[in-house]
Amino acid sequence: MTDSGTIVACCQIALQIGDRAGNHRKIHAAIGRAVDGGAKVIVLPELANTGYMFSSLDELRALAEPLDGPTITAWHGLAVQHQVIIVGGFAEKGDDGNVYNSAVIVDETGLRATHRKAHLWDTEKNGLFTAGSDSPPVIDTAVGRLGLLICYDLEFPEWVRSVAEAGAVLLCAPVNWPLYPRPAGERPGEIVRAQAAAGGNRIFVAVADRAGAERGQEWVGGSVIIDADGYPATTLILDQEGIIYATLNLSDAQNKSISAGNDVHRDRRPELYS
C-alpha cells in the first residue's frame, strides 16, 4: 500500500450458464483491461466461471470445479503474470461430494483464501448448493488486510462486523444481484445496504456484480466501490458491461473514529446485544 493509494477495479461482465470457455475469455479480457487501468486488486462477479441460473443439480455438478481446477489455476497464472490480487466467485466441487457457491482470493503466491457462501439465496437452497459454515476469511496481502464475502452474505450485519473486527480494510464481495422492481429514482436497495455495511464499520467495500440476462433473469449490474464513510467512490453503470475503478487510501479504514468523541468499534456495548 502506497501513499498514492491502491487502485481497485470491479469487473461487471455478462456471463452465460454453461459457457465456461466464453466466460473465461470474458474474465481474462476484463482482468487484462483492469491491469491496463492500473488495478492492483481486481474483483469479479459471483459464480463467474459457470453462470447462475442452473436448471438442476446435475447441470451444476457438471460445471463445478475443485479448487485446483482450471478456473482458479488460470486466475493464479494471471495474478503471477500481472502481480495483482484477483478475487472472484466460482462453483466449487467439494471433496465431500457437495457443491458450494464459493469465492477465492489469489495473488502471485497462490491461493490465499476461500469462502463458501453461508447465506444461500432463493433457488440456491433448492437442492443445489450446500451452505458454508466457516467464518469469512480475512488475510494480509501486499495492499493490506482483505476480507471476503459473497452476495447475500453482505446483508447480514453480524457477518460484516466479523470481517471488520478481524482488521480488514477492504471487503471484497462477488455478487449476482437479481433485478427487482424499485421506486422511480431510487438506487437499488442492495447498494444502499452495502453502503451501510461500509459506513457502519468504517471499511472499504468493493462489489462486483454482473450485467445482462440469463434464462429470463435480469441483473442489477450494480457494481460499486464504497469508501470507509459509506459513500460511493465510483459512478454506477447499471446493467452495462464495464469496469469501475477507485483509488483508495486503504489505511484510512484503520481509523474507526466518526467524531472527536466517537469510534464505531470502541463505542459498541456487546453486553447489551445478546
Foldseek 3Di string as FASTA:
>chain_A
DDPQFAKEKFFAAADEAPPQVVLVVSVVVSLVVVLVVVHQEYEYAFQSRGDDDDPDQVSLVVRAEACPDDPQVVVLVVQLVSQHKYKYWHWHCDPVRFIFRKMFIHHPVGTDDMDGAADDDDCCPVPHHDHDDDQWDWDQDPQGIETEHEAVLLQDLVNLLVNLVVPHQEYEYRYAAWDDDDDPPDDPPSLQSNLCSLQLSQHKYWYHYYADDYPHTGTQQFTFIAGNNSHTQWDGPTRDGDMTMHGDPSCSSVFQDPDPPDGSPVPDDVVVVD
